[in-house]
Structure formats: C-alpha cells, structure tokens
Amino acid sequence: MSGKRVIGLVLVVIGIIALAYQGISWTTHKKVVDLGPIQASKTEHHDIPLPPIVGVLALVGGILVLVTDRS
C-alpha cells in the first residue's frame, strides 16, 4: 500500500467521523461547597463544535487522493 493511499484512506475516515459527530463534548463535575456532611457539586458541559464543512473537505480530499493514486 502506497503512502498516498494511506493518506487518502485516513482523510476519508476522518471526514466520515467529523460528519457523524460534528464536534467533541465532555462533562466535568466540580465540587462547589464542602461543609462537612453538606456537599454541593456542579456539572458543566463543554463543547467544541466542528463545522460540517471540515468533514466534507476531508472526505472530498481523501477521495481525490485515492482517485489520483490509481493513475
């Protein structure tokens, strides 16, 4: 397998994953108050949005690399 084919396949996979998930999100838990037996915690949701154009560009770029590798 040539290097171009590997790069093309990686770009296609990244493009499909980017289109499927459209971002990264995670949750953190922070302790706000800790007064002996009384505890309060806060849940925070964090998001890093990924525009669909990034997935489309990676997918199209990977397909182009695969197509040009054949010739």
Protein backbone atom coordinates (compact mmCIF):
# COMPACT_ATOMS: atom_id res chain seq x y z
CA MET A 1 0.00 0.00 0.00
CA SER A 2 1.49 3.32 -1.03
CA GLY A 3 1.75 6.37 1.17
CA LYS A 4 -0.79 8.29 -0.90
CA ARG A 5 -3.36 5.53 -0.49
CA VAL A 6 -2.89 5.51 3.30
CA ILE A 7 -3.27 9.30 3.47
CA GLY A 8 -6.39 9.11 1.32
CA LEU A 9 -7.97 6.44 3.50
CA VAL A 10 -7.14 8.37 6.68
CA LEU A 11 -8.74 11.53 5.25
CA VAL A 12 -11.87 9.62 4.24
CA VAL A 13 -12.20 8.10 7.73
CA ILE A 14 -11.63 11.48 9.41
CA GLY A 15 -14.23 13.06 7.11
CA ILE A 16 -16.83 10.42 7.92
CA ILE A 17 -16.19 10.70 11.67
CA ALA A 18 -16.33 14.53 11.53
CA LEU A 19 -19.66 14.42 9.69
CA ALA A 20 -21.12 11.84 12.07
CA TYR A 21 -20.17 13.51 15.37
CA GLN A 22 -19.98 17.21 14.38
CA GLY A 23 -17.98 18.11 17.45
CA ILE A 24 -16.46 16.98 20.70
CA SER A 25 -18.27 17.26 24.02
CA TRP A 26 -17.46 16.28 27.58
CA THR A 27 -18.80 16.77 31.09
CA THR A 28 -16.90 17.82 34.21
CA HIS A 29 -18.04 17.72 37.81
CA LYS A 30 -16.85 20.41 40.22
CA LYS A 31 -17.30 20.48 43.96
CA VAL A 32 -18.79 23.88 44.82
CA VAL A 33 -19.41 23.57 48.57
CA ASP A 34 -17.92 21.11 51.04
CA LEU A 35 -19.06 21.88 54.59
CA GLY A 36 -18.68 18.64 56.49
CA PRO A 37 -21.69 16.45 55.69
CA ILE A 38 -23.11 19.05 53.29
CA GLN A 39 -21.72 18.90 49.78
CA ALA A 40 -22.80 20.57 46.59
CA SER A 41 -21.42 19.88 43.15
CA LYS A 42 -21.86 21.46 39.76
CA THR A 43 -21.95 19.67 36.41
CA GLU A 44 -20.53 21.59 33.45
CA HIS A 45 -20.97 20.57 29.83
CA HIS A 46 -18.21 21.62 27.41
CA ASP A 47 -18.49 21.58 23.62
CA ILE A 48 -16.04 22.09 20.78
CA PRO A 49 -18.17 22.39 17.64
CA LEU A 50 -16.81 21.05 14.37
CA PRO A 51 -18.35 22.63 11.27
CA PRO A 52 -19.66 20.13 8.70
CA ILE A 53 -17.51 21.78 6.02
CA VAL A 54 -14.41 20.33 7.72
CA GLY A 55 -15.79 16.81 7.34
CA VAL A 56 -16.82 17.42 3.74
CA LEU A 57 -13.39 18.83 2.84
CA ALA A 58 -11.58 15.90 4.46
CA LEU A 59 -13.87 13.40 2.74
CA VAL A 60 -13.54 15.00 -0.71
CA GLY A 61 -9.79 15.45 -0.27
CA GLY A 62 -9.38 11.79 0.68
CA ILE A 63 -11.42 10.65 -2.32
CA LEU A 64 -9.36 12.87 -4.63
CA VAL A 65 -6.11 11.47 -3.25
CA LEU A 66 -7.38 7.91 -3.74
CA VAL A 67 -8.55 8.61 -7.29
CA THR A 68 -5.30 10.32 -8.34
CA ASP A 69 -3.25 7.50 -6.76
CA ARG A 70 -4.73 4.97 -9.20
CA SER A 71 -3.39 6.67 -12.30
